[in-house]
Amino acid sequence: MTQPSHPMPLTEVKPGTVAPVEPDRPSSPVALTPAITANILLVDDDPRSLMAMETILAGPGRKIVKAESGEDALRHLLQQDFALILLDVRMPRLDGFETAALIRQRARSRYTPIIFLSAVDTMDADVFRGLSSGAVDYLFKPVVPQVLQTKVSVFVDLFRLSEQLYQQAVQQSEERFRLFVEQVQDYAIILLDSTGLVQTWNAGAQRVTGYAAAEIIGQSLICLYTQEDRAAGKRESLLQTARTAGRVEDEGWRVRKDGSHFWANVVLTALHDEAGQLQGFAKVTRDLTERKRADEEIHRLNVALEQRVLERTAQLEAANKELESFSYSVSHDLRAPLRSIDGFSLALLEDLGDKLGLQGKDYLRRVREATQRMGQLIDDLLNLARVTREEMRREPVDLSALARSIATDLKRTQPDRQVAFAIADGVVAKGDAHLLRVALENLLGNAWKFTSKQPRTRIEFGVDRQNGTPAYFVRDDGAGFDMAYSGKLFGAFQRLHSNKEFEGTGIGLATVKRVIRRHGGRVWAESLVGQGATFYFTLHLPEGSQPIGVSR
């Protein structure tokens, strides 16, 4: 219980006297009621003194508890609270001062008023010690009954006043809370007794379930459960879990009065008194039917979408296989007539060139150039199809060695060009050696081609780190391109320069993209017109692989 924290002022106490009683009793607008029982603890090692004080102090609304030692007094304090403690100073084993100090250490009795009782020969130092320890008064034996009764009555009345104010505050708080709960519409807030029967029923509970308070108070909530949950004993299971764990949360279908179902989120909390005894349960229920329906619809749409994606993916894979097979077949079928056209054109130039004249020779040269471009396009298409179909083998690949080999081959095609290759040493990656060579051939070949208009140029190959991931690159200082058109770079047959500027089929970068994608990576480019270009690519590491980068 809350005890008064400010004891009434006392006059100076001298040996052989008693503290005078204030003539005016504290007035209060709150009428005191004897219905509030005041517990008074009497502590004295002399049974006769205990009996005498009990005779003096006993009366309506008072409960006298006697203790013959400090230890006995402490045991009583563990079991109940007191309005006042009368404590003898001189006791064996644990004296009054020591007992008071232990009483003050306990939070619940820290502010309980204590009156010390002592023999007449007590020294002033003992009185000072007693009052300093938090006592509200110090009386000397033998005590005049009227004086003792008056002093005790003051503290009993203060206790009752404090308790009455506290109860009124609690009652007002409970009333405000009750009004709040009753007006809540979105939540069913219900109090159950310890057996699970309904004690209170707010407006939200009626809105959610359809039951009025008069229909449900005093009943169990079994009517809200589905037949399946009733058979499974779900209501009893939730109550038992709340009893043992203190709280349980559940979601599931419940049944309204009209038989319709709603999806409920339920939080059930056990309520205990100060002694830890179960008093009942607080149950808060939310109607989440709309959210549940929305979740189910989203799930249904996701399942349907996944199925459509699977079907569409299968269709695309089948179409790609057909297209690759068709490209491969057509490419092979076109090679024979192209070889014939090129061969006969060459024969005409060599055998009948004198009779054709300049214009005839020019026509034949154009025919041969066209057939050679067509042949290159067929080769590129074959490579693109082969890159997609080939089985991959992952192994350590020395990309630096591949780049040097490709650079050597490029120099042989045009030995007079002034091109400086800067190839980083020891760049090693995990991947398919053949496919990675195809990718590097196209990237380095592009750099070689788009720097061909410059007298001196530089081509680099190396590796950077971007966001902690190795990014391999090929960089040149050639023609470059407008980044506004970078989205077209890696599409088949997409070109940013005309054949008059730079020859090509538009297949090379599409092939690079397929190779890198098969390795789980990505490829992109950065450039400025007239200032060269840098092509980057990453490679996905298999689980447990060492990071790709420069070898040690």
Foldseek 3Di string as FASTA:
>chain_A
DDADQDFDDWDDDDQPDFTDDDPDADDDPDDFDLVAAAEEEEEALDVVVLVVVCVLADDRSYDYHYHNHLVRVVVVVVVDDHLEYEAEQDDPPAGRLNSLLVQCVDPRRVRRAYEYEYARPDDPVVVVSVVVSPHNTYYYPPDDSVRVNSVVVSSVRSVRVVVVVVVVVVVVVVVVVVVVQQPDQQKFKFWAFLVQATADTHNNNCNVAVDDPVVGHRHHPPQFADPVCVVVVVVVVLSVCCVVVQKDWDWDWTAHPVGDIFIKIKIKGFDADPVRHTGTIIIMIGGCRVVVVVVVVVVVVVVVVVVVVVVVVVVVVVVVVVVLVVLLVVLVVVVVVLVVLLVVLVVCCVPVVVVLPPVNVVVSVVSNVVSVLVNVLSVLSNLLSCLQPPDKDWDKEFVLVLLVVLVVVLCVVPVQAAEAEAEDPQFIDIIGHVLVSLLSNLQVVVQSQQAVVDRHWYWYWFWDADPNAIKTKIWIQGQWADVVCQVQQQDAQGDRDDVVRTNDRRRSSVSNQSSLVVQVKGKGKDTDGNGIIMIIMGGDDDPPDDGGHGDD
